[in-house]
Amino acid sequence: MGVFGRKKNKGKNNNDNGDELPPPIIKSPSVENGFKSPRRVSLKDVIINGSSQAGTRPDMGRKQLSAKSSLSSHVTRESMKQRMSIATLNLHGLIKDDLDDDSSVASEVIPSDAFTKTMGVSRQNSTLLMDVASSSIVNADVEDPYNMPFKSQYEPSEMRCLALVAHNHMKPAMKEFVMSHKEVLKKFRLTGTNTTITLLKSIFGDDPEVCYGPSFQSGPLGGDAELCALACLEDLGGCFFFMDPLSAHPHQADIDCLVRLLNVHNILTCINPCTAHAMSFVLKEALEDGRLDQIPSFFYTLKSPGVAVYKAEQKQALEAAKKS
């Protein structure tokens, strides 16, 4: 007998092979009893149907769900929606994403929603912010205080490009930002990665006043590297880069390189919607009043103060190499 009460296996000559034991036969309860594998519950099921309903058996009717269970489902659904960003809700199909609209020109944005969809401001506070903006305008009939037409003292061709870049989960925020500040943005030569340029064209449509610069590949395919080249070629004056801080990116090295070169060449850079929103007013004032001193990177080649120190160290290293 073996250790587990099984008979030892004998060879062809009925010899006792002490080391050979037949493998144990283990029957799975789910296979033997015909149990079905548990149904995989998606995130959309949890939010729409509630966690208590998603975990019940298929044969349970709705009448068997108690009032407490329904209340718990509603609280779970609402609390989870409040914690999720607009981009995440779009990603899981919980709300309609306007980026999938087939129309050539995007629909008009509601001004008060811009703060909510680009900066995460609550709708109540967003309405208060829009009231402050509207009260500062002399003309009380203006519906959108951020898109008031104005005359620029400079043509787009006289300035360097303004790049607009957004990671995937930040593209809905970029769309809202462009629609709420399109009067300012269309005064520049607009450039960016392929998806963002497509987004811009869907918003501006066939507007003859909009001037586009070079269009680049998607970020993971080298678009960020191409923007680095544009900066080194002294044709990039500003960059609005809506970076997603909660996702991993396969081209992280390119992203780091782009941000570093933007700093090396001292180019106007905004890496989140709030900074870009504030900078839009500076851009408008500079263009309207002819104040190129407020946005010098669109007209002149600038450098980080660290560049002079770096060049001095390189010069010393070269002289030391010559003496050795």
C-alpha atoms as a PDB file:
ATOM      1  CA  MET A   1       0.000   0.000   0.000  1.00  0.00           C
ATOM      2  CA  GLY A   2       1.178   3.527  -0.737  1.00  0.00           C
ATOM      3  CA  VAL A   3       1.203   6.475   1.538  1.00  0.00           C
ATOM      4  CA  PHE A   4      -2.317   7.566   0.565  1.00  0.00           C
ATOM      5  CA  GLY A   5      -3.827   4.081   0.665  1.00  0.00           C
ATOM      6  CA  ARG A   6      -3.375   3.398  -3.048  1.00  0.00           C
ATOM      7  CA  LYS A   7      -1.913   0.192  -4.353  1.00  0.00           C
ATOM      8  CA  LYS A   8       1.542   0.399  -5.760  1.00  0.00           C
ATOM      9  CA  ASN A   9       1.850  -0.193  -9.477  1.00  0.00           C
ATOM     10  CA  LYS A  10       3.689  -3.339 -10.553  1.00  0.00           C
ATOM     11  CA  GLY A  11       5.787  -3.681 -13.681  1.00  0.00           C
ATOM     12  CA  LYS A  12       5.346  -6.075 -16.556  1.00  0.00           C
ATOM     13  CA  ASN A  13       6.961  -8.981 -14.598  1.00  0.00           C
ATOM     14  CA  ASN A  14       4.801  -8.329 -11.524  1.00  0.00           C
ATOM     15  CA  ASN A  15       7.814  -6.767  -9.896  1.00  0.00           C
ATOM     16  CA  ASP A  16       7.120  -4.309  -7.185  1.00  0.00           C
ATOM     17  CA  ASN A  17       8.252  -0.877  -8.367  1.00  0.00           C
ATOM     18  CA  GLY A  18       8.260   1.071  -5.156  1.00  0.00           C
ATOM     19  CA  ASP A  19       8.527   4.482  -6.815  1.00  0.00           C
ATOM     20  CA  GLU A  20       5.644   4.305  -9.272  1.00  0.00           C
ATOM     21  CA  LEU A  21       2.150   5.294  -8.135  1.00  0.00           C
ATOM     22  CA  PRO A  22      -0.822   5.851 -10.425  1.00  0.00           C
ATOM     23  CA  PRO A  23      -1.834   9.511 -10.636  1.00  0.00           C
ATOM     24  CA  PRO A  24      -4.816  10.405  -8.424  1.00  0.00           C
ATOM     25  CA  ILE A  25      -8.088  11.063 -10.204  1.00  0.00           C
ATOM     26  CA  ILE A  26      -9.616  14.338  -9.025  1.00  0.00           C
ATOM     27  CA  LYS A  27     -13.133  15.173 -10.121  1.00  0.00           C
ATOM     28  CA  SER A  28     -14.059  18.851 -10.169  1.00  0.00           C
ATOM     29  CA  PRO A  29     -17.367  19.515  -8.354  1.00  0.00           C
ATOM     30  CA  SER A  30     -18.366  21.974 -11.056  1.00  0.00           C
ATOM     31  CA  VAL A  31     -17.914  19.349 -13.784  1.00  0.00           C
ATOM     32  CA  GLU A  32     -19.424  16.479 -11.832  1.00  0.00           C
ATOM     33  CA  ASN A  33     -22.523  18.373 -10.726  1.00  0.00           C
ATOM     34  CA  GLY A  34     -22.970  20.316 -13.948  1.00  0.00           C
ATOM     35  CA  PHE A  35     -22.500  23.766 -12.370  1.00  0.00           C
ATOM     36  CA  LYS A  36     -22.291  26.668 -14.778  1.00  0.00           C
ATOM     37  CA  SER A  37     -19.283  28.953 -14.603  1.00  0.00           C
ATOM     38  CA  PRO A  38     -20.058  32.306 -12.962  1.00  0.00           C
ATOM     39  CA  ARG A  39     -21.060  35.101 -15.324  1.00  0.00           C
ATOM     40  CA  ARG A  40     -18.459  37.820 -15.711  1.00  0.00           C
ATOM     41  CA  VAL A  41     -19.878  41.141 -14.573  1.00  0.00           C
ATOM     42  CA  SER A  42     -18.722  44.222 -16.446  1.00  0.00           C
ATOM     43  CA  LEU A  43     -18.252  47.665 -14.964  1.00  0.00           C
ATOM     44  CA  LYS A  44     -21.223  48.893 -16.956  1.00  0.00           C
ATOM     45  CA  ASP A  45     -23.434  46.169 -15.412  1.00  0.00           C
ATOM     46  CA  VAL A  46     -22.366  47.176 -11.917  1.00  0.00           C
ATOM     47  CA  ILE A  47     -23.167  50.840 -12.439  1.00  0.00           C
ATOM     48  CA  ILE A  48     -26.362  50.477 -14.453  1.00  0.00           C
ATOM     49  CA  ASN A  49     -27.889  47.459 -12.700  1.00  0.00           C
ATOM     50  CA  GLY A  50     -26.352  47.902  -9.285  1.00  0.00           C
ATOM     51  CA  SER A  51     -23.913  45.674  -7.433  1.00  0.00           C
ATOM     52  CA  SER A  52     -26.630  43.726  -5.638  1.00  0.00           C
ATOM     53  CA  GLN A  53     -28.421  42.793  -8.871  1.00  0.00           C
ATOM     54  CA  ALA A  54     -25.202  41.888 -10.649  1.00  0.00           C
ATOM     55  CA  GLY A  55     -24.372  39.352  -7.960  1.00  0.00           C
ATOM     56  CA  THR A  56     -27.754  37.590  -7.845  1.00  0.00           C
ATOM     57  CA  ARG A  57     -28.631  34.347  -9.543  1.00  0.00           C
ATOM     58  CA  PRO A  58     -30.131  34.530 -13.049  1.00  0.00           C
ATOM     59  CA  ASP A  59     -33.286  32.748 -11.922  1.00  0.00           C
ATOM     60  CA  MET A  60     -34.152  35.367  -9.308  1.00  0.00           C
ATOM     61  CA  GLY A  61     -36.948  37.679 -10.418  1.00  0.00           C
ATOM     62  CA  ARG A  62     -37.072  41.377  -9.804  1.00  0.00           C
ATOM     63  CA  LYS A  63     -39.901  40.949  -7.305  1.00  0.00           C
ATOM     64  CA  GLN A  64     -37.534  39.136  -4.957  1.00  0.00           C
ATOM     65  CA  LEU A  65     -35.250  42.148  -4.691  1.00  0.00           C
ATOM     66  CA  SER A  66     -36.015  44.096  -1.547  1.00  0.00           C
ATOM     67  CA  ALA A  67     -36.420  47.863  -1.310  1.00  0.00           C
ATOM     68  CA  LYS A  68     -33.149  47.995   0.616  1.00  0.00           C
ATOM     69  CA  SER A  69     -31.353  46.266  -2.264  1.00  0.00           C
ATOM     70  CA  SER A  70     -32.765  48.741  -4.796  1.00  0.00           C
ATOM     71  CA  LEU A  71     -31.701  51.683  -2.669  1.00  0.00           C
ATOM     72  CA  SER A  72     -28.214  50.211  -2.302  1.00  0.00           C
ATOM     73  CA  SER A  73     -27.996  49.773  -6.072  1.00  0.00           C
ATOM     74  CA  HIS A  74     -28.971  53.387  -6.683  1.00  0.00           C
ATOM     75  CA  VAL A  75     -26.434  54.680  -4.155  1.00  0.00           C
ATOM     76  CA  THR A  76     -23.701  52.483  -5.660  1.00  0.00           C
ATOM     77  CA  ARG A  77     -24.487  53.646  -9.177  1.00  0.00           C
ATOM     78  CA  GLU A  78     -24.528  57.344  -8.308  1.00  0.00           C
ATOM     79  CA  SER A  79     -21.455  57.214  -6.058  1.00  0.00           C
ATOM     80  CA  MET A  80     -19.405  55.401  -8.701  1.00  0.00           C
ATOM     81  CA  LYS A  81     -20.474  57.855 -11.399  1.00  0.00           C
ATOM     82  CA  GLN A  82     -19.412  60.768  -9.209  1.00  0.00           C
ATOM     83  CA  ARG A  83     -15.956  59.245  -8.763  1.00  0.00           C
ATOM     84  CA  MET A  84     -15.402  58.634 -12.478  1.00  0.00           C
ATOM     85  CA  SER A  85     -14.152  61.259 -14.884  1.00  0.00           C
ATOM     86  CA  ILE A  86     -15.951  62.209 -18.084  1.00  0.00           C
ATOM     87  CA  ALA A  87     -13.314  60.371 -20.112  1.00  0.00           C
ATOM     88  CA  THR A  88     -13.791  57.176 -18.065  1.00  0.00           C
ATOM     89  CA  LEU A  89     -17.563  57.345 -18.446  1.00  0.00           C
ATOM     90  CA  ASN A  90     -17.090  57.745 -22.192  1.00  0.00           C
ATOM     91  CA  LEU A  91     -14.642  54.843 -22.221  1.00  0.00           C
ATOM     92  CA  HIS A  92     -17.145  52.433 -20.641  1.00  0.00           C
ATOM     93  CA  GLY A  93     -20.049  53.670 -22.756  1.00  0.00           C
ATOM     94  CA  LEU A  94     -21.960  55.100 -19.801  1.00  0.00           C
ATOM     95  CA  ILE A  95     -22.493  58.445 -21.528  1.00  0.00           C
ATOM     96  CA  LYS A  96     -22.438  59.403 -25.181  1.00  0.00           C
ATOM     97  CA  ASP A  97     -19.098  60.599 -26.488  1.00  0.00           C
ATOM     98  CA  ASP A  98     -19.472  63.516 -28.902  1.00  0.00           C
ATOM     99  CA  LEU A  99     -16.144  62.589 -30.494  1.00  0.00           C
ATOM    100  CA  ASP A 100     -17.929  59.772 -32.301  1.00  0.00           C
ATOM    101  CA  ASP A 101     -20.261  62.233 -34.000  1.00  0.00           C
ATOM    102  CA  ASP A 102     -20.070  61.920 -37.763  1.00  0.00           C
ATOM    103  CA  SER A 103     -20.959  65.556 -38.387  1.00  0.00           C
ATOM    104  CA  SER A 104     -18.230  67.671 -39.961  1.00  0.00           C
ATOM    105  CA  VAL A 105     -18.627  70.472 -37.413  1.00  0.00           C
ATOM    106  CA  ALA A 106     -19.017  69.737 -33.723  1.00  0.00           C
ATOM    107  CA  SER A 107     -22.026  71.048 -31.839  1.00  0.00           C
ATOM    108  CA  GLU A 108     -21.771  74.197 -29.774  1.00  0.00           C
ATOM    109  CA  VAL A 109     -20.499  73.807 -26.235  1.00  0.00           C
ATOM    110  CA  ILE A 110     -22.446  75.034 -23.228  1.00  0.00           C
ATOM    111  CA  PRO A 111     -20.082  77.557 -21.574  1.00  0.00           C
ATOM    112  CA  SER A 112     -20.837  76.470 -18.010  1.00  0.00           C
ATOM    113  CA  ASP A 113     -20.000  72.859 -18.890  1.00  0.00           C
ATOM    114  CA  ALA A 114     -16.460  73.758 -19.946  1.00  0.00           C
ATOM    115  CA  PHE A 115     -15.275  74.060 -16.345  1.00  0.00           C
ATOM    116  CA  THR A 116     -16.908  70.745 -15.454  1.00  0.00           C
ATOM    117  CA  LYS A 117     -15.596  68.765 -18.418  1.00  0.00           C
ATOM    118  CA  THR A 118     -12.082  70.211 -18.550  1.00  0.00           C
ATOM    119  CA  MET A 119     -11.211  70.936 -14.924  1.00  0.00           C
ATOM    120  CA  GLY A 120     -13.534  68.772 -12.838  1.00  0.00           C
ATOM    121  CA  VAL A 121     -15.397  71.725 -11.305  1.00  0.00           C
ATOM    122  CA  SER A 122     -18.832  70.872  -9.913  1.00  0.00           C
ATOM    123  CA  ARG A 123     -21.750  72.106 -12.010  1.00  0.00           C
ATOM    124  CA  GLN A 124     -22.897  74.477  -9.284  1.00  0.00           C
ATOM    125  CA  ASN A 125     -19.485  76.127  -8.994  1.00  0.00           C
ATOM    126  CA  SER A 126     -19.115  76.077 -12.774  1.00  0.00           C
ATOM    127  CA  THR A 127     -22.294  78.134 -13.104  1.00  0.00           C
ATOM    128  CA  LEU A 128     -20.971  80.599 -10.514  1.00  0.00           C
ATOM    129  CA  LEU A 129     -17.715  80.993 -12.462  1.00  0.00           C
ATOM    130  CA  MET A 130     -19.626  81.703 -15.665  1.00  0.00           C
ATOM    131  CA  ASP A 131     -21.736  84.298 -13.843  1.00  0.00           C
ATOM    132  CA  VAL A 132     -18.541  86.061 -12.772  1.00  0.00           C
ATOM    133  CA  ALA A 133     -17.225  85.973 -16.345  1.00  0.00           C
ATOM    134  CA  SER A 134     -20.489  87.295 -17.778  1.00  0.00           C
ATOM    135  CA  SER A 135     -20.735  90.111 -15.233  1.00  0.00           C
ATOM    136  CA  SER A 136     -17.294  91.366 -16.255  1.00  0.00           C
ATOM    137  CA  ILE A 137     -18.466  91.885 -19.865  1.00  0.00           C
ATOM    138  CA  VAL A 138     -19.970  95.282 -20.690  1.00  0.00           C
ATOM    139  CA  ASN A 139     -22.369  93.775 -23.224  1.00  0.00           C
ATOM    140  CA  ALA A 140     -24.828  91.772 -21.144  1.00  0.00           C
ATOM    141  CA  ASP A 141     -26.258  90.000 -24.202  1.00  0.00           C
ATOM    142  CA  VAL A 142     -23.112  87.912 -24.745  1.00  0.00           C
ATOM    143  CA  GLU A 143     -23.902  84.218 -24.331  1.00  0.00           C
ATOM    144  CA  ASP A 144     -20.306  82.970 -24.427  1.00  0.00           C
ATOM    145  CA  PRO A 145     -17.861  85.441 -22.829  1.00  0.00           C
ATOM    146  CA  TYR A 146     -14.841  83.305 -23.782  1.00  0.00           C
ATOM    147  CA  ASN A 147     -15.553  83.309 -27.511  1.00  0.00           C
ATOM    148  CA  MET A 148     -16.073  86.996 -28.207  1.00  0.00           C
ATOM    149  CA  PRO A 149     -14.691  87.953 -31.650  1.00  0.00           C
ATOM    150  CA  PHE A 150     -11.632  90.214 -31.606  1.00  0.00           C
ATOM    151  CA  LYS A 151      -9.039  91.565 -34.028  1.00  0.00           C
ATOM    152  CA  SER A 152      -5.503  90.214 -33.769  1.00  0.00           C
ATOM    153  CA  GLN A 153      -2.570  92.512 -34.493  1.00  0.00           C
ATOM    154  CA  TYR A 154      -0.606  89.574 -35.914  1.00  0.00           C
ATOM    155  CA  GLU A 155      -1.345  87.128 -38.688  1.00  0.00           C
ATOM    156  CA  PRO A 156      -0.901  83.404 -37.998  1.00  0.00           C
ATOM    157  CA  SER A 157       1.883  83.266 -40.580  1.00  0.00           C
ATOM    158  CA  GLU A 158       3.830  85.893 -38.595  1.00  0.00           C
ATOM    159  CA  MET A 159       4.014  83.669 -35.543  1.00  0.00           C
ATOM    160  CA  ARG A 160       5.354  80.245 -34.723  1.00  0.00           C
ATOM    161  CA  CYS A 161       3.000  77.278 -34.340  1.00  0.00           C
ATOM    162  CA  LEU A 162       0.796  76.521 -31.365  1.00  0.00           C
ATOM    163  CA  ALA A 163       0.693  72.764 -30.723  1.00  0.00           C
ATOM    164  CA  LEU A 164      -2.318  71.047 -29.163  1.00  0.00           C
ATOM    165  CA  VAL A 165      -1.708  67.539 -27.826  1.00  0.00           C
ATOM    166  CA  ALA A 166      -3.889  65.336 -25.615  1.00  0.00           C
ATOM    167  CA  HIS A 167      -3.619  61.783 -24.366  1.00  0.00           C
ATOM    168  CA  ASN A 168      -6.545  59.460 -25.104  1.00  0.00           C
ATOM    169  CA  HIS A 169      -8.423  59.968 -21.834  1.00  0.00           C
ATOM    170  CA  MET A 170      -7.854  63.729 -22.086  1.00  0.00           C
ATOM    171  CA  LYS A 171      -9.235  64.166 -25.611  1.00  0.00           C
ATOM    172  CA  PRO A 172     -12.813  64.925 -24.436  1.00  0.00           C
ATOM    173  CA  ALA A 173     -11.354  67.665 -22.215  1.00  0.00           C
ATOM    174  CA  MET A 174      -9.315  68.986 -25.147  1.00  0.00           C
ATOM    175  CA  LYS A 175     -12.450  69.125 -27.285  1.00  0.00           C
ATOM    176  CA  GLU A 176     -14.317  71.160 -24.682  1.00  0.00           C
ATOM    177  CA  PHE A 177     -11.313  73.453 -24.230  1.00  0.00           C
ATOM    178  CA  VAL A 178     -10.995  74.152 -27.963  1.00  0.00           C
ATOM    179  CA  MET A 179     -14.707  74.849 -28.326  1.00  0.00           C
ATOM    180  CA  SER A 180     -14.709  77.247 -25.381  1.00  0.00           C
ATOM    181  CA  HIS A 181     -11.601  79.143 -26.582  1.00  0.00           C
ATOM    182  CA  LYS A 182     -11.754  78.715 -30.361  1.00  0.00           C
ATOM    183  CA  GLU A 183     -11.776  82.470 -31.064  1.00  0.00           C
ATOM    184  CA  VAL A 184      -8.321  82.744 -29.510  1.00  0.00           C
ATOM    185  CA  LEU A 185      -6.896  79.477 -30.819  1.00  0.00           C
ATOM    186  CA  LYS A 186      -7.809  80.100 -34.453  1.00  0.00           C
ATOM    187  CA  LYS A 187      -5.589  83.188 -34.473  1.00  0.00           C
ATOM    188  CA  PHE A 188      -2.541  80.860 -34.448  1.00  0.00           C
ATOM    189  CA  ARG A 189      -1.100  78.301 -36.818  1.00  0.00           C
ATOM    190  CA  LEU A 190      -2.357  75.137 -35.150  1.00  0.00           C
ATOM    191  CA  THR A 191      -0.368  71.928 -35.137  1.00  0.00           C
ATOM    192  CA  GLY A 192      -0.293  68.698 -33.165  1.00  0.00           C
ATOM    193  CA  THR A 193      -0.499  64.949 -33.402  1.00  0.00           C
ATOM    194  CA  ASN A 194      -2.771  63.306 -35.968  1.00  0.00           C
ATOM    195  CA  THR A 195      -5.761  62.574 -33.716  1.00  0.00           C
ATOM    196  CA  THR A 196      -5.794  66.068 -32.230  1.00  0.00           C
ATOM    197  CA  ILE A 197      -5.612  67.725 -35.662  1.00  0.00           C
ATOM    198  CA  THR A 198      -8.561  65.579 -36.771  1.00  0.00           C
ATOM    199  CA  LEU A 199     -10.422  66.759 -33.678  1.00  0.00           C
ATOM    200  CA  LEU A 200      -9.631  70.410 -34.502  1.00  0.00           C
ATOM    201  CA  LYS A 201     -10.918  70.040 -38.062  1.00  0.00           C
ATOM    202  CA  SER A 202     -14.153  68.501 -36.767  1.00  0.00           C
ATOM    203  CA  ILE A 203     -14.663  71.583 -34.576  1.00  0.00           C
ATOM    204  CA  PHE A 204     -13.651  74.345 -36.990  1.00  0.00           C
ATOM    205  CA  GLY A 205     -14.977  72.657 -40.108  1.00  0.00           C
ATOM    206  CA  ASP A 206     -14.265  74.685 -43.269  1.00  0.00           C
ATOM    207  CA  ASP A 207     -13.592  77.952 -41.458  1.00  0.00           C
ATOM    208  CA  PRO A 208     -11.260  79.868 -43.826  1.00  0.00           C
ATOM    209  CA  GLU A 209      -9.771  81.843 -40.942  1.00  0.00           C
ATOM    210  CA  VAL A 210      -8.214  78.736 -39.383  1.00  0.00           C
ATOM    211  CA  CYS A 211      -4.604  78.127 -40.391  1.00  0.00           C
ATOM    212  CA  TYR A 212      -2.987  74.737 -39.809  1.00  0.00           C
ATOM    213  CA  GLY A 213       0.687  73.971 -39.495  1.00  0.00           C
ATOM    214  CA  PRO A 214       2.279  70.565 -40.087  1.00  0.00           C
ATOM    215  CA  SER A 215       0.374  67.502 -38.909  1.00  0.00           C
ATOM    216  CA  PHE A 216       2.274  64.728 -37.164  1.00  0.00           C
ATOM    217  CA  GLN A 217       1.860  61.040 -36.389  1.00  0.00           C
ATOM    218  CA  SER A 218       0.049  59.764 -33.327  1.00  0.00           C
ATOM    219  CA  GLY A 219       2.140  59.975 -30.168  1.00  0.00           C
ATOM    220  CA  PRO A 220       3.100  56.279 -29.885  1.00  0.00           C
ATOM    221  CA  LEU A 221       4.087  56.286 -33.576  1.00  0.00           C
ATOM    222  CA  GLY A 222       6.515  59.190 -33.212  1.00  0.00           C
ATOM    223  CA  GLY A 223       4.309  62.296 -33.065  1.00  0.00           C
ATOM    224  CA  ASP A 224       5.937  63.589 -29.880  1.00  0.00           C
ATOM    225  CA  ALA A 225       9.377  63.129 -31.425  1.00  0.00           C
ATOM    226  CA  GLU A 226       8.267  65.103 -34.483  1.00  0.00           C
ATOM    227  CA  LEU A 227       7.126  67.933 -32.215  1.00  0.00           C
ATOM    228  CA  CYS A 228      10.590  67.843 -30.631  1.00  0.00           C
ATOM    229  CA  ALA A 229      12.065  68.368 -34.088  1.00  0.00           C
ATOM    230  CA  LEU A 230       9.706  71.302 -34.726  1.00  0.00           C
ATOM    231  CA  ALA A 231      10.900  72.905 -31.488  1.00  0.00           C
ATOM    232  CA  CYS A 232      14.546  72.421 -32.458  1.00  0.00           C
ATOM    233  CA  LEU A 233      13.823  73.901 -35.900  1.00  0.00           C
ATOM    234  CA  GLU A 234      12.545  77.047 -34.144  1.00  0.00           C
ATOM    235  CA  ASP A 235       8.981  76.875 -35.470  1.00  0.00           C
ATOM    236  CA  LEU A 236       7.126  76.050 -32.244  1.00  0.00           C
ATOM    237  CA  GLY A 237       5.979  78.939 -30.081  1.00  0.00           C
ATOM    238  CA  GLY A 238       3.658  77.206 -27.614  1.00  0.00           C
ATOM    239  CA  CYS A 239       2.294  73.818 -26.601  1.00  0.00           C
ATOM    240  CA  PHE A 240      -0.912  72.909 -24.789  1.00  0.00           C
ATOM    241  CA  PHE A 241      -0.281  69.327 -23.696  1.00  0.00           C
ATOM    242  CA  PHE A 242      -3.153  67.704 -21.781  1.00  0.00           C
ATOM    243  CA  MET A 243      -1.247  64.873 -20.110  1.00  0.00           C
ATOM    244  CA  ASP A 244      -3.008  61.929 -18.494  1.00  0.00           C
ATOM    245  CA  PRO A 245      -1.322  61.403 -15.103  1.00  0.00           C
ATOM    246  CA  LEU A 246      -3.205  58.178 -14.317  1.00  0.00           C
ATOM    247  CA  SER A 247      -2.313  56.002 -17.307  1.00  0.00           C
ATOM    248  CA  ALA A 248       0.846  54.299 -18.485  1.00  0.00           C
ATOM    249  CA  HIS A 249       2.075  55.241 -21.950  1.00  0.00           C
ATOM    250  CA  PRO A 250       4.170  53.046 -24.262  1.00  0.00           C
ATOM    251  CA  HIS A 251       5.985  56.139 -25.559  1.00  0.00           C
ATOM    252  CA  GLN A 252       6.818  57.609 -22.159  1.00  0.00           C
ATOM    253  CA  ALA A 253      10.401  58.235 -23.279  1.00  0.00           C
ATOM    254  CA  ASP A 254       9.108  60.446 -26.132  1.00  0.00           C
ATOM    255  CA  ILE A 255       6.825  62.337 -23.742  1.00  0.00           C
ATOM    256  CA  ASP A 256       9.709  63.028 -21.372  1.00  0.00           C
ATOM    257  CA  CYS A 257      11.861  64.149 -24.294  1.00  0.00           C
ATOM    258  CA  LEU A 258       9.192  66.563 -25.535  1.00  0.00           C
ATOM    259  CA  VAL A 259       8.661  68.141 -22.120  1.00  0.00           C
ATOM    260  CA  ARG A 260      12.428  68.463 -21.610  1.00  0.00           C
ATOM    261  CA  LEU A 261      13.001  70.151 -24.973  1.00  0.00           C
ATOM    262  CA  LEU A 262      10.090  72.518 -24.386  1.00  0.00           C
ATOM    263  CA  ASN A 263      11.905  73.608 -21.242  1.00  0.00           C
ATOM    264  CA  VAL A 264      15.314  73.720 -22.956  1.00  0.00           C
ATOM    265  CA  HIS A 265      13.966  76.078 -25.634  1.00  0.00           C
ATOM    266  CA  ASN A 266      11.870  78.014 -23.097  1.00  0.00           C
ATOM    267  CA  ILE A 267       8.658  77.512 -25.075  1.00  0.00           C
ATOM    268  CA  LEU A 268       5.304  78.512 -23.589  1.00  0.00           C
ATOM    269  CA  THR A 269       3.916  75.237 -22.190  1.00  0.00           C
ATOM    270  CA  CYS A 270       0.672  74.273 -20.436  1.00  0.00           C
ATOM    271  CA  ILE A 271       0.382  70.671 -19.297  1.00  0.00           C
ATOM    272  CA  ASN A 272      -3.144  70.696 -17.843  1.00  0.00           C
ATOM    273  CA  PRO A 273      -6.513  72.268 -18.751  1.00  0.00           C
ATOM    274  CA  CYS A 274      -6.521  74.799 -15.894  1.00  0.00           C
ATOM    275  CA  THR A 275      -3.179  76.295 -16.968  1.00  0.00           C
ATOM    276  CA  ALA A 276      -4.270  76.366 -20.612  1.00  0.00           C
ATOM    277  CA  HIS A 277      -7.508  78.109 -19.637  1.00  0.00           C
ATOM    278  CA  ALA A 278      -5.631  80.832 -17.758  1.00  0.00           C
ATOM    279  CA  MET A 279      -3.050  81.208 -20.542  1.00  0.00           C
ATOM    280  CA  SER A 280      -5.799  81.756 -23.132  1.00  0.00           C
ATOM    281  CA  PHE A 281      -6.549  85.177 -21.648  1.00  0.00           C
ATOM    282  CA  VAL A 282      -2.886  86.147 -21.869  1.00  0.00           C
ATOM    283  CA  LEU A 283      -2.830  85.058 -25.514  1.00  0.00           C
ATOM    284  CA  LYS A 284      -5.931  87.076 -26.316  1.00  0.00           C
ATOM    285  CA  GLU A 285      -4.629  90.226 -24.643  1.00  0.00           C
ATOM    286  CA  ALA A 286      -1.245  89.901 -26.350  1.00  0.00           C
ATOM    287  CA  LEU A 287      -2.791  89.455 -29.799  1.00  0.00           C
ATOM    288  CA  GLU A 288      -5.423  92.143 -29.350  1.00  0.00           C
ATOM    289  CA  ASP A 289      -3.032  94.797 -27.998  1.00  0.00           C
ATOM    290  CA  GLY A 290      -0.006  93.840 -30.078  1.00  0.00           C
ATOM    291  CA  ARG A 291       1.989  92.882 -26.979  1.00  0.00           C
ATOM    292  CA  LEU A 292       4.504  90.418 -28.359  1.00  0.00           C
ATOM    293  CA  ASP A 293       6.486  90.941 -25.141  1.00  0.00           C
ATOM    294  CA  GLN A 294       3.823  88.853 -23.373  1.00  0.00           C
ATOM    295  CA  ILE A 295       4.306  85.854 -25.672  1.00  0.00           C
ATOM    296  CA  PRO A 296       7.943  86.148 -26.878  1.00  0.00           C
ATOM    297  CA  SER A 297       8.379  82.451 -27.687  1.00  0.00           C
ATOM    298  CA  PHE A 298       6.042  82.886 -30.677  1.00  0.00           C
ATOM    299  CA  PHE A 299       8.401  85.441 -32.229  1.00  0.00           C
ATOM    300  CA  TYR A 300      11.928  84.823 -30.932  1.00  0.00           C
ATOM    301  CA  THR A 301      14.250  81.914 -30.222  1.00  0.00           C
ATOM    302  CA  LEU A 302      14.559  81.564 -26.458  1.00  0.00           C
ATOM    303  CA  LYS A 303      16.712  79.335 -24.272  1.00  0.00           C
ATOM    304  CA  SER A 304      16.574  78.093 -20.729  1.00  0.00           C
ATOM    305  CA  PRO A 305      19.023  79.881 -18.378  1.00  0.00           C
ATOM    306  CA  GLY A 306      20.599  76.481 -17.840  1.00  0.00           C
ATOM    307  CA  VAL A 307      21.746  76.378 -21.469  1.00  0.00           C
ATOM    308  CA  ALA A 308      24.441  79.024 -20.864  1.00  0.00           C
ATOM    309  CA  VAL A 309      25.789  77.083 -17.902  1.00  0.00           C
ATOM    310  CA  TYR A 310      25.784  73.870 -19.927  1.00  0.00           C
ATOM    311  CA  LYS A 311      27.674  75.472 -22.801  1.00  0.00           C
ATOM    312  CA  ALA A 312      30.295  76.880 -20.414  1.00  0.00           C
ATOM    313  CA  GLU A 313      30.860  73.444 -18.894  1.00  0.00           C
ATOM    314  CA  GLN A 314      31.112  71.903 -22.365  1.00  0.00           C
ATOM    315  CA  LYS A 315      33.696  74.503 -23.348  1.00  0.00           C
ATOM    316  CA  GLN A 316      35.797  73.725 -20.266  1.00  0.00           C
ATOM    317  CA  ALA A 317      35.538  70.005 -20.956  1.00  0.00           C
ATOM    318  CA  LEU A 318      36.684  70.560 -24.553  1.00  0.00           C
ATOM    319  CA  GLU A 319      39.687  72.665 -23.481  1.00  0.00           C
ATOM    320  CA  ALA A 320      40.658  70.055 -20.898  1.00  0.00           C
ATOM    321  CA  ALA A 321      40.489  67.363 -23.574  1.00  0.00           C
ATOM    322  CA  LYS A 322      42.781  69.347 -25.847  1.00  0.00           C
ATOM    323  CA  LYS A 323      45.446  69.720 -23.119  1.00  0.00           C
ATOM    324  CA  SER A 324      45.448  66.048 -22.203  1.00  0.00           C
END
